Amino acid sequence: MSLTRRDAVASVLAALGVVVYAGNAQGTWYLGSNRWAIATLFAIGIAGCTLGRMEAKQRTWAVVLATLGVAALAIAVAGLVTGSHALLSALLVVQLALWLGATLRHATVPPAAHPAGT
């Protein structure tokens, strides 16, 4: 498989997540609050999820990426409740792992054969 525009957009979203984290560390604007930064990272993560799609024969990748996705959701919810900076950091790390995993999958896994007419 090859990298596509979706991968480029996902890369921009991953970079935006790093900017949000850095903005929180600098105490800029509303990102000075851990909860707002977590909410923003959560929204960026949801946007990134809409870019993904999985072929039926890619079960190993699906399990790994889905597990990371569930972990990101749990971390985001816990972070919104507690406002913890540690959970903000963990959310960023998990989101970057998701981005890296999806990008590697797209770059290394050959496309599945599509039936004629699809």
N, C-alpha and C. Protein backbone atom coordinates (compact mmCIF):
# COMPACT_ATOMS: atom_id res chain seq x y z
N MET A 1 0.84 -1.16 0.00
CA MET A 1 0.00 0.00 0.00
C MET A 1 0.89 1.23 0.00
N SER A 2 0.34 2.34 -0.30
CA SER A 2 1.12 3.57 -0.31
C SER A 2 0.44 4.62 0.55
N LEU A 3 1.20 5.63 0.86
CA LEU A 3 0.66 6.71 1.66
C LEU A 3 -0.23 7.60 0.79
N THR A 4 -1.28 8.13 1.38
CA THR A 4 -2.26 8.92 0.65
C THR A 4 -2.44 10.28 1.29
N ARG A 5 -3.39 11.04 0.72
CA ARG A 5 -3.73 12.33 1.31
C ARG A 5 -4.25 12.18 2.73
N ARG A 6 -4.95 11.09 2.98
CA ARG A 6 -5.44 10.85 4.34
C ARG A 6 -4.28 10.77 5.33
N ASP A 7 -3.19 10.15 4.91
CA ASP A 7 -2.02 10.06 5.77
C ASP A 7 -1.40 11.44 6.00
N ALA A 8 -1.41 12.27 4.98
CA ALA A 8 -0.89 13.63 5.13
C ALA A 8 -1.76 14.43 6.11
N VAL A 9 -3.07 14.30 5.99
CA VAL A 9 -3.97 14.99 6.92
C VAL A 9 -3.77 14.46 8.34
N ALA A 10 -3.63 13.15 8.48
CA ALA A 10 -3.40 12.56 9.80
C ALA A 10 -2.08 13.06 10.38
N SER A 11 -1.08 13.25 9.54
CA SER A 11 0.20 13.78 10.02
C SER A 11 0.06 15.21 10.52
N VAL A 12 -0.74 15.99 9.82
CA VAL A 12 -1.01 17.37 10.27
C VAL A 12 -1.74 17.34 11.62
N LEU A 13 -2.71 16.43 11.77
CA LEU A 13 -3.42 16.32 13.04
C LEU A 13 -2.49 15.88 14.16
N ALA A 14 -1.57 14.97 13.88
CA ALA A 14 -0.60 14.53 14.89
C ALA A 14 0.29 15.71 15.31
N ALA A 15 0.72 16.48 14.34
CA ALA A 15 1.54 17.66 14.65
C ALA A 15 0.74 18.68 15.45
N LEU A 16 -0.53 18.82 15.12
CA LEU A 16 -1.40 19.73 15.87
C LEU A 16 -1.53 19.28 17.33
N GLY A 17 -1.59 17.97 17.55
CA GLY A 17 -1.62 17.45 18.91
C GLY A 17 -0.38 17.85 19.69
N VAL A 18 0.77 17.79 19.05
CA VAL A 18 2.02 18.20 19.70
C VAL A 18 1.97 19.70 20.01
N VAL A 19 1.42 20.49 19.10
CA VAL A 19 1.29 21.94 19.32
C VAL A 19 0.37 22.21 20.51
N VAL A 20 -0.72 21.47 20.61
CA VAL A 20 -1.64 21.62 21.75
C VAL A 20 -0.92 21.31 23.05
N TYR A 21 -0.17 20.23 23.07
CA TYR A 21 0.57 19.86 24.27
C TYR A 21 1.58 20.95 24.63
N ALA A 22 2.30 21.44 23.64
CA ALA A 22 3.28 22.49 23.89
C ALA A 22 2.59 23.77 24.37
N GLY A 23 1.44 24.07 23.80
CA GLY A 23 0.69 25.24 24.25
C GLY A 23 0.26 25.10 25.69
N ASN A 24 -0.12 23.89 26.09
CA ASN A 24 -0.48 23.65 27.48
C ASN A 24 0.73 23.83 28.38
N ALA A 25 1.88 23.34 27.96
CA ALA A 25 3.09 23.46 28.77
C ALA A 25 3.50 24.92 28.94
N GLN A 26 3.21 25.74 27.93
CA GLN A 26 3.55 27.16 28.01
C GLN A 26 2.47 27.97 28.72
N GLY A 27 1.32 27.34 28.98
CA GLY A 27 0.23 28.04 29.66
C GLY A 27 -0.47 29.07 28.77
N THR A 28 -0.47 28.82 27.46
CA THR A 28 -1.08 29.79 26.55
C THR A 28 -2.59 29.66 26.50
N TRP A 29 -3.22 30.75 26.46
CA TRP A 29 -4.65 30.90 26.24
C TRP A 29 -5.45 29.86 26.98
N TYR A 30 -6.43 29.25 26.37
CA TYR A 30 -7.23 28.26 27.09
C TYR A 30 -6.51 26.95 27.26
N LEU A 31 -5.43 26.74 26.53
CA LEU A 31 -4.67 25.48 26.65
C LEU A 31 -3.88 25.43 27.95
N GLY A 32 -3.89 26.50 28.73
CA GLY A 32 -3.24 26.48 30.03
C GLY A 32 -3.95 25.56 31.01
N SER A 33 -5.17 25.17 30.70
CA SER A 33 -5.93 24.23 31.52
C SER A 33 -5.74 22.82 30.96
N ASN A 34 -5.38 21.89 31.82
CA ASN A 34 -5.20 20.50 31.37
C ASN A 34 -6.49 19.94 30.79
N ARG A 35 -7.63 20.27 31.39
CA ARG A 35 -8.91 19.74 30.89
C ARG A 35 -9.19 20.24 29.47
N TRP A 36 -8.96 21.52 29.21
CA TRP A 36 -9.20 22.04 27.86
C TRP A 36 -8.23 21.42 26.86
N ALA A 37 -6.99 21.23 27.29
CA ALA A 37 -6.01 20.61 26.39
C ALA A 37 -6.40 19.16 26.10
N ILE A 38 -6.86 18.44 27.11
CA ILE A 38 -7.31 17.06 26.91
C ILE A 38 -8.52 17.02 25.99
N ALA A 39 -9.47 17.94 26.20
CA ALA A 39 -10.65 17.99 25.33
C ALA A 39 -10.24 18.28 23.89
N THR A 40 -9.28 19.15 23.71
CA THR A 40 -8.81 19.47 22.36
C THR A 40 -8.10 18.28 21.73
N LEU A 41 -7.23 17.61 22.50
CA LEU A 41 -6.57 16.41 21.98
C LEU A 41 -7.58 15.31 21.65
N PHE A 42 -8.61 15.20 22.48
CA PHE A 42 -9.66 14.21 22.24
C PHE A 42 -10.37 14.51 20.92
N ALA A 43 -10.68 15.77 20.68
CA ALA A 43 -11.33 16.15 19.41
C ALA A 43 -10.41 15.89 18.22
N ILE A 44 -9.13 16.17 18.38
CA ILE A 44 -8.16 15.88 17.32
C ILE A 44 -8.10 14.38 17.07
N GLY A 45 -8.13 13.60 18.14
CA GLY A 45 -8.11 12.14 18.00
C GLY A 45 -9.34 11.62 17.27
N ILE A 46 -10.50 12.18 17.58
CA ILE A 46 -11.72 11.77 16.88
C ILE A 46 -11.61 12.11 15.40
N ALA A 47 -11.08 13.29 15.10
CA ALA A 47 -10.89 13.66 13.69
C ALA A 47 -9.95 12.69 12.99
N GLY A 48 -8.89 12.29 13.69
CA GLY A 48 -7.95 11.32 13.11
C GLY A 48 -8.59 9.97 12.88
N CYS A 49 -9.46 9.57 13.79
CA CYS A 49 -10.14 8.27 13.64
C CYS A 49 -11.02 8.23 12.40
N THR A 50 -11.59 9.35 12.04
CA THR A 50 -12.46 9.36 10.86
C THR A 50 -11.67 9.15 9.58
N LEU A 51 -10.37 9.31 9.64
CA LEU A 51 -9.54 9.13 8.45
C LEU A 51 -9.16 7.67 8.20
N GLY A 52 -9.32 6.84 9.21
CA GLY A 52 -8.86 5.46 9.10
C GLY A 52 -9.88 4.54 8.48
N ARG A 53 -9.36 3.48 7.89
CA ARG A 53 -10.19 2.37 7.44
C ARG A 53 -9.33 1.12 7.42
N MET A 54 -9.96 0.00 7.65
CA MET A 54 -9.23 -1.24 7.83
C MET A 54 -9.76 -2.29 6.87
N GLU A 55 -8.84 -2.99 6.23
CA GLU A 55 -9.21 -4.11 5.37
C GLU A 55 -9.50 -5.33 6.24
N ALA A 56 -10.33 -6.22 5.77
CA ALA A 56 -10.72 -7.40 6.55
C ALA A 56 -9.53 -8.30 6.88
N LYS A 57 -8.52 -8.35 6.02
CA LYS A 57 -7.40 -9.26 6.22
C LYS A 57 -6.31 -8.67 7.11
N GLN A 58 -6.55 -7.53 7.72
CA GLN A 58 -5.54 -6.87 8.52
C GLN A 58 -5.87 -6.97 10.01
N ARG A 59 -6.19 -8.17 10.45
CA ARG A 59 -6.64 -8.36 11.84
C ARG A 59 -5.62 -7.97 12.88
N THR A 60 -4.38 -8.31 12.68
CA THR A 60 -3.36 -7.98 13.68
C THR A 60 -3.27 -6.48 13.87
N TRP A 61 -3.20 -5.76 12.76
CA TRP A 61 -3.18 -4.30 12.84
C TRP A 61 -4.46 -3.78 13.49
N ALA A 62 -5.58 -4.36 13.13
CA ALA A 62 -6.86 -3.91 13.68
C ALA A 62 -6.89 -4.07 15.19
N VAL A 63 -6.41 -5.19 15.69
CA VAL A 63 -6.42 -5.44 17.13
C VAL A 63 -5.50 -4.45 17.85
N VAL A 64 -4.31 -4.27 17.32
CA VAL A 64 -3.35 -3.36 17.96
C VAL A 64 -3.89 -1.93 17.96
N LEU A 65 -4.35 -1.46 16.81
CA LEU A 65 -4.82 -0.07 16.71
C LEU A 65 -6.12 0.13 17.48
N ALA A 66 -7.00 -0.87 17.48
CA ALA A 66 -8.24 -0.74 18.25
C ALA A 66 -7.95 -0.70 19.75
N THR A 67 -6.99 -1.49 20.19
CA THR A 67 -6.60 -1.47 21.60
C THR A 67 -6.05 -0.10 21.99
N LEU A 68 -5.22 0.47 21.13
CA LEU A 68 -4.71 1.81 21.39
C LEU A 68 -5.85 2.83 21.39
N GLY A 69 -6.82 2.66 20.50
CA GLY A 69 -7.96 3.57 20.45
C GLY A 69 -8.80 3.52 21.71
N VAL A 70 -9.03 2.32 22.22
CA VAL A 70 -9.79 2.17 23.47
C VAL A 70 -9.00 2.79 24.62
N ALA A 71 -7.69 2.58 24.63
CA ALA A 71 -6.85 3.18 25.67
C ALA A 71 -6.92 4.71 25.60
N ALA A 72 -6.90 5.26 24.39
CA ALA A 72 -6.99 6.71 24.23
C ALA A 72 -8.33 7.23 24.77
N LEU A 73 -9.40 6.52 24.48
CA LEU A 73 -10.72 6.92 24.98
C LEU A 73 -10.74 6.90 26.51
N ALA A 74 -10.24 5.83 27.11
CA ALA A 74 -10.22 5.72 28.57
C ALA A 74 -9.36 6.81 29.20
N ILE A 75 -8.21 7.07 28.61
CA ILE A 75 -7.32 8.11 29.12
C ILE A 75 -7.98 9.48 29.00
N ALA A 76 -8.63 9.74 27.87
CA ALA A 76 -9.29 11.03 27.67
C ALA A 76 -10.40 11.25 28.70
N VAL A 77 -11.22 10.24 28.93
CA VAL A 77 -12.30 10.37 29.90
C VAL A 77 -11.73 10.59 31.30
N ALA A 78 -10.75 9.77 31.68
CA ALA A 78 -10.13 9.93 33.00
C ALA A 78 -9.46 11.29 33.13
N GLY A 79 -8.84 11.75 32.05
CA GLY A 79 -8.18 13.05 32.07
C GLY A 79 -9.16 14.20 32.20
N LEU A 80 -10.30 14.08 31.54
CA LEU A 80 -11.33 15.12 31.66
C LEU A 80 -11.89 15.18 33.08
N VAL A 81 -12.00 14.03 33.72
CA VAL A 81 -12.52 13.98 35.09
C VAL A 81 -11.50 14.55 36.07
N THR A 82 -10.23 14.15 35.92
CA THR A 82 -9.22 14.53 36.92
C THR A 82 -8.46 15.81 36.58
N GLY A 83 -8.34 16.13 35.30
CA GLY A 83 -7.53 17.28 34.90
C GLY A 83 -6.05 17.03 35.08
N SER A 84 -5.64 15.79 35.04
CA SER A 84 -4.26 15.40 35.30
C SER A 84 -3.34 15.70 34.11
N HIS A 85 -2.20 16.30 34.41
CA HIS A 85 -1.21 16.54 33.36
C HIS A 85 -0.58 15.23 32.89
N ALA A 86 -0.44 14.27 33.79
CA ALA A 86 0.11 12.97 33.40
C ALA A 86 -0.80 12.28 32.38
N LEU A 87 -2.11 12.41 32.55
CA LEU A 87 -3.04 11.80 31.59
C LEU A 87 -3.03 12.57 30.26
N LEU A 88 -2.81 13.87 30.32
CA LEU A 88 -2.65 14.64 29.09
C LEU A 88 -1.45 14.12 28.31
N SER A 89 -0.34 13.92 29.01
CA SER A 89 0.87 13.39 28.37
C SER A 89 0.62 11.99 27.81
N ALA A 90 -0.05 11.15 28.58
CA ALA A 90 -0.35 9.78 28.13
C ALA A 90 -1.24 9.79 26.89
N LEU A 91 -2.22 10.69 26.88
CA LEU A 91 -3.11 10.77 25.72
C LEU A 91 -2.33 11.16 24.47
N LEU A 92 -1.43 12.11 24.59
CA LEU A 92 -0.61 12.50 23.43
C LEU A 92 0.24 11.33 22.95
N VAL A 93 0.86 10.61 23.88
CA VAL A 93 1.71 9.48 23.50
C VAL A 93 0.90 8.40 22.78
N VAL A 94 -0.29 8.09 23.30
CA VAL A 94 -1.13 7.07 22.67
C VAL A 94 -1.60 7.54 21.29
N GLN A 95 -1.98 8.80 21.17
CA GLN A 95 -2.40 9.30 19.87
C GLN A 95 -1.26 9.28 18.86
N LEU A 96 -0.06 9.61 19.29
CA LEU A 96 1.08 9.54 18.38
C LEU A 96 1.39 8.09 18.00
N ALA A 97 1.20 7.17 18.94
CA ALA A 97 1.39 5.74 18.63
C ALA A 97 0.35 5.28 17.62
N LEU A 98 -0.88 5.74 17.76
CA LEU A 98 -1.92 5.41 16.78
C LEU A 98 -1.56 5.95 15.40
N TRP A 99 -1.12 7.19 15.35
CA TRP A 99 -0.74 7.79 14.07
C TRP A 99 0.41 7.01 13.44
N LEU A 100 1.43 6.70 14.25
CA LEU A 100 2.58 5.97 13.73
C LEU A 100 2.18 4.58 13.24
N GLY A 101 1.36 3.88 14.04
CA GLY A 101 0.91 2.55 13.65
C GLY A 101 0.12 2.56 12.36
N ALA A 102 -0.81 3.51 12.24
CA ALA A 102 -1.61 3.60 11.02
C ALA A 102 -0.76 3.96 9.81
N THR A 103 0.18 4.86 10.00
CA THR A 103 1.06 5.25 8.89
C THR A 103 1.94 4.08 8.46
N LEU A 104 2.50 3.36 9.44
CA LEU A 104 3.31 2.19 9.10
C LEU A 104 2.48 1.12 8.39
N ARG A 105 1.25 0.92 8.86
CA ARG A 105 0.38 -0.06 8.21
C ARG A 105 0.12 0.34 6.76
N HIS A 106 -0.17 1.60 6.55
CA HIS A 106 -0.44 2.05 5.17
C HIS A 106 0.79 1.94 4.29
N ALA A 107 1.95 2.15 4.87
CA ALA A 107 3.18 2.12 4.08
C ALA A 107 3.67 0.72 3.80
N THR A 108 3.29 -0.27 4.64
CA THR A 108 3.89 -1.60 4.50
C THR A 108 2.93 -2.71 4.06
N VAL A 109 1.67 -2.56 4.32
CA VAL A 109 0.72 -3.64 3.98
C VAL A 109 0.20 -3.45 2.57
N PRO A 110 0.34 -4.47 1.71
CA PRO A 110 -0.16 -4.33 0.34
C PRO A 110 -1.69 -4.26 0.34
N PRO A 111 -2.24 -3.55 -0.64
CA PRO A 111 -3.71 -3.46 -0.70
C PRO A 111 -4.32 -4.82 -0.97
N ALA A 112 -5.48 -5.05 -0.41
CA ALA A 112 -6.19 -6.30 -0.64
C ALA A 112 -6.74 -6.31 -2.06
N ALA A 113 -6.84 -7.49 -2.62
CA ALA A 113 -7.41 -7.61 -3.97
C ALA A 113 -8.89 -7.29 -3.89
N HIS A 114 -9.33 -6.40 -4.76
CA HIS A 114 -10.73 -6.01 -4.77
C HIS A 114 -11.45 -6.77 -5.87
N PRO A 115 -12.63 -7.28 -5.59
CA PRO A 115 -13.40 -7.94 -6.64
C PRO A 115 -13.73 -6.97 -7.76
N ALA A 116 -13.91 -7.49 -8.93
CA ALA A 116 -14.23 -6.65 -10.10
C ALA A 116 -15.49 -5.84 -9.83
N GLY A 117 -15.45 -4.59 -10.19
CA GLY A 117 -16.62 -3.73 -10.06
C GLY A 117 -16.74 -3.03 -8.73
N THR A 118 -15.73 -3.17 -7.83
CA THR A 118 -15.82 -2.46 -6.55
C THR A 118 -14.74 -1.44 -6.40
